[in-house]
Amino acid sequence: MNHLKVQALLYYLAATGEVFTRNHLATLLWSETGASEALHSLRSSLYRLRQGLRSAGAEATLLSEGESLSLNPDSFLCDLGEFRRLLDQADELALAKAVTTGYK
């Protein structure tokens, strides 16, 4: 099992903040394999990711509903997500915070 793919899956879900289908994620991360093998690799990676989240006491972070996967936005902080949130505010103070290294 490629642990880099588990990390890539987590980073992708966190950075985008979106809901994706299992097929989309499998194709994205295992495009070099067939569909069946890609979905198997995704299941294995999700198992490893869930183990890691469980050991960190963050098992509620990964949301899985049918064929959809995402991260619970209330259970983690991603600097890219915070950057986007500040840009969406579109006021001078928020924009100033967005371009500094700290978001405090």
C-alpha atoms as a PDB file:
ATOM      1  CA  MET A   1       0.000   0.000   0.000  1.00  0.00           C
ATOM      2  CA  ASN A   2       1.329   3.386  -0.962  1.00  0.00           C
ATOM      3  CA  HIS A   3       1.110   5.645   2.098  1.00  0.00           C
ATOM      4  CA  LEU A   4       1.690   8.658  -0.147  1.00  0.00           C
ATOM      5  CA  LYS A   5      -1.680   7.985  -1.765  1.00  0.00           C
ATOM      6  CA  VAL A   6      -3.360   8.017   1.653  1.00  0.00           C
ATOM      7  CA  GLN A   7      -1.745  11.391   2.331  1.00  0.00           C
ATOM      8  CA  ALA A   8      -2.712  12.647  -1.127  1.00  0.00           C
ATOM      9  CA  LEU A   9      -6.317  11.604  -0.508  1.00  0.00           C
ATOM     10  CA  LEU A  10      -6.420  13.463   2.801  1.00  0.00           C
ATOM     11  CA  TYR A  11      -4.723  16.558   1.382  1.00  0.00           C
ATOM     12  CA  TYR A  12      -7.045  16.643  -1.631  1.00  0.00           C
ATOM     13  CA  LEU A  13     -10.180  16.374   0.497  1.00  0.00           C
ATOM     14  CA  ALA A  14      -8.910  19.018   2.936  1.00  0.00           C
ATOM     15  CA  ALA A  15      -7.662  21.492   0.332  1.00  0.00           C
ATOM     16  CA  THR A  16     -10.776  21.396  -1.817  1.00  0.00           C
ATOM     17  CA  GLY A  17     -13.347  21.152   0.950  1.00  0.00           C
ATOM     18  CA  GLU A  18     -15.692  19.475  -1.531  1.00  0.00           C
ATOM     19  CA  VAL A  19     -17.680  16.256  -1.710  1.00  0.00           C
ATOM     20  CA  PHE A  20     -16.403  13.709  -4.240  1.00  0.00           C
ATOM     21  CA  THR A  21     -17.615  10.380  -5.503  1.00  0.00           C
ATOM     22  CA  ARG A  22     -15.548   7.309  -4.874  1.00  0.00           C
ATOM     23  CA  ASN A  23     -15.154   6.865  -8.630  1.00  0.00           C
ATOM     24  CA  HIS A  24     -13.743  10.366  -8.996  1.00  0.00           C
ATOM     25  CA  LEU A  25     -11.183   9.838  -6.228  1.00  0.00           C
ATOM     26  CA  ALA A  26     -10.219   6.377  -7.469  1.00  0.00           C
ATOM     27  CA  THR A  27      -9.704   7.688 -11.002  1.00  0.00           C
ATOM     28  CA  LEU A  28      -7.782  10.710  -9.778  1.00  0.00           C
ATOM     29  CA  LEU A  29      -5.351   8.788  -7.582  1.00  0.00           C
ATOM     30  CA  TRP A  30      -5.096   5.468  -9.451  1.00  0.00           C
ATOM     31  CA  SER A  31      -5.593   6.445 -13.080  1.00  0.00           C
ATOM     32  CA  GLU A  32      -2.845   4.039 -14.121  1.00  0.00           C
ATOM     33  CA  THR A  33      -4.942   1.034 -13.077  1.00  0.00           C
ATOM     34  CA  GLY A  34      -8.285  -0.401 -14.095  1.00  0.00           C
ATOM     35  CA  ALA A  35     -11.499   0.795 -12.451  1.00  0.00           C
ATOM     36  CA  SER A  36     -11.899  -2.272 -10.229  1.00  0.00           C
ATOM     37  CA  GLU A  37      -8.320  -2.128  -8.967  1.00  0.00           C
ATOM     38  CA  ALA A  38      -8.551   1.655  -8.461  1.00  0.00           C
ATOM     39  CA  LEU A  39     -11.676   1.267  -6.317  1.00  0.00           C
ATOM     40  CA  HIS A  40      -9.980  -1.492  -4.318  1.00  0.00           C
ATOM     41  CA  SER A  41      -6.974   0.774  -3.738  1.00  0.00           C
ATOM     42  CA  LEU A  42      -9.295   3.568  -2.633  1.00  0.00           C
ATOM     43  CA  ARG A  43     -11.043   1.254  -0.148  1.00  0.00           C
ATOM     44  CA  SER A  44      -7.663   0.206   1.251  1.00  0.00           C
ATOM     45  CA  SER A  45      -6.546   3.824   1.535  1.00  0.00           C
ATOM     46  CA  LEU A  46      -9.788   4.801   3.237  1.00  0.00           C
ATOM     47  CA  TYR A  47      -9.270   1.987   5.726  1.00  0.00           C
ATOM     48  CA  ARG A  48      -5.772   3.300   6.534  1.00  0.00           C
ATOM     49  CA  LEU A  49      -7.030   6.874   6.722  1.00  0.00           C
ATOM     50  CA  ARG A  50      -9.826   5.878   9.106  1.00  0.00           C
ATOM     51  CA  GLN A  51      -7.301   4.022  11.283  1.00  0.00           C
ATOM     52  CA  GLY A  52      -5.113   7.110  11.480  1.00  0.00           C
ATOM     53  CA  LEU A  53      -8.031   9.403  12.234  1.00  0.00           C
ATOM     54  CA  ARG A  54      -9.343   7.007  14.885  1.00  0.00           C
ATOM     55  CA  SER A  55      -5.963   6.839  16.624  1.00  0.00           C
ATOM     56  CA  ALA A  56      -5.898  10.651  16.680  1.00  0.00           C
ATOM     57  CA  GLY A  57      -9.417  10.824  18.116  1.00  0.00           C
ATOM     58  CA  ALA A  58     -10.678  12.422  14.908  1.00  0.00           C
ATOM     59  CA  GLU A  59     -12.806   9.645  13.455  1.00  0.00           C
ATOM     60  CA  ALA A  60     -15.691  12.092  12.787  1.00  0.00           C
ATOM     61  CA  THR A  61     -13.508  13.999  10.308  1.00  0.00           C
ATOM     62  CA  LEU A  62     -14.077  11.684   7.346  1.00  0.00           C
ATOM     63  CA  LEU A  63     -17.649  11.754   6.063  1.00  0.00           C
ATOM     64  CA  SER A  64     -18.876   8.879   3.942  1.00  0.00           C
ATOM     65  CA  GLU A  65     -22.419   8.770   2.614  1.00  0.00           C
ATOM     66  CA  GLY A  66     -23.066   6.154  -0.026  1.00  0.00           C
ATOM     67  CA  GLU A  67     -20.706   6.870  -2.885  1.00  0.00           C
ATOM     68  CA  SER A  68     -19.766  10.338  -1.564  1.00  0.00           C
ATOM     69  CA  LEU A  69     -16.705  11.205   0.498  1.00  0.00           C
ATOM     70  CA  SER A  70     -15.667  14.448   2.138  1.00  0.00           C
ATOM     71  CA  LEU A  71     -14.207  15.880   5.312  1.00  0.00           C
ATOM     72  CA  ASN A  72     -16.303  17.478   8.016  1.00  0.00           C
ATOM     73  CA  PRO A  73     -15.295  21.153   7.740  1.00  0.00           C
ATOM     74  CA  ASP A  74     -15.996  21.703  11.438  1.00  0.00           C
ATOM     75  CA  SER A  75     -13.513  19.040  12.523  1.00  0.00           C
ATOM     76  CA  PHE A  76     -10.258  20.335  11.046  1.00  0.00           C
ATOM     77  CA  LEU A  77      -8.490  23.523  10.033  1.00  0.00           C
ATOM     78  CA  CYS A  78      -6.773  23.820   6.679  1.00  0.00           C
ATOM     79  CA  ASP A  79      -4.761  26.944   5.922  1.00  0.00           C
ATOM     80  CA  LEU A  80      -6.017  26.922   2.325  1.00  0.00           C
ATOM     81  CA  GLY A  81      -9.603  26.756   3.552  1.00  0.00           C
ATOM     82  CA  GLU A  82      -8.965  29.628   5.926  1.00  0.00           C
ATOM     83  CA  PHE A  83      -7.363  31.612   3.100  1.00  0.00           C
ATOM     84  CA  ARG A  84     -10.434  31.074   0.910  1.00  0.00           C
ATOM     85  CA  ARG A  85     -12.779  31.983   3.771  1.00  0.00           C
ATOM     86  CA  LEU A  86     -10.932  35.259   4.290  1.00  0.00           C
ATOM     87  CA  LEU A  87     -10.984  36.059   0.567  1.00  0.00           C
ATOM     88  CA  ASP A  88     -14.735  35.438   0.474  1.00  0.00           C
ATOM     89  CA  GLN A  89     -15.236  38.104   3.152  1.00  0.00           C
ATOM     90  CA  ALA A  90     -13.852  40.656   0.681  1.00  0.00           C
ATOM     91  CA  ASP A  91     -13.239  43.352   3.272  1.00  0.00           C
ATOM     92  CA  GLU A  92      -9.930  45.101   3.789  1.00  0.00           C
ATOM     93  CA  LEU A  93      -9.115  43.507   7.151  1.00  0.00           C
ATOM     94  CA  ALA A  94      -9.896  39.987   5.922  1.00  0.00           C
ATOM     95  CA  LEU A  95      -7.852  40.504   2.755  1.00  0.00           C
ATOM     96  CA  ALA A  96      -4.926  41.771   4.839  1.00  0.00           C
ATOM     97  CA  LYS A  97      -5.148  38.663   7.024  1.00  0.00           C
ATOM     98  CA  ALA A  98      -5.308  36.433   3.957  1.00  0.00           C
ATOM     99  CA  VAL A  99      -1.965  37.643   2.673  1.00  0.00           C
ATOM    100  CA  THR A 100      -0.122  37.370   5.993  1.00  0.00           C
ATOM    101  CA  THR A 101       1.449  34.140   7.187  1.00  0.00           C
ATOM    102  CA  GLY A 102      -0.724  33.963  10.314  1.00  0.00           C
ATOM    103  CA  TYR A 103      -4.503  33.986  10.250  1.00  0.00           C
ATOM    104  CA  LYS A 104      -4.959  35.218  13.808  1.00  0.00           C
END
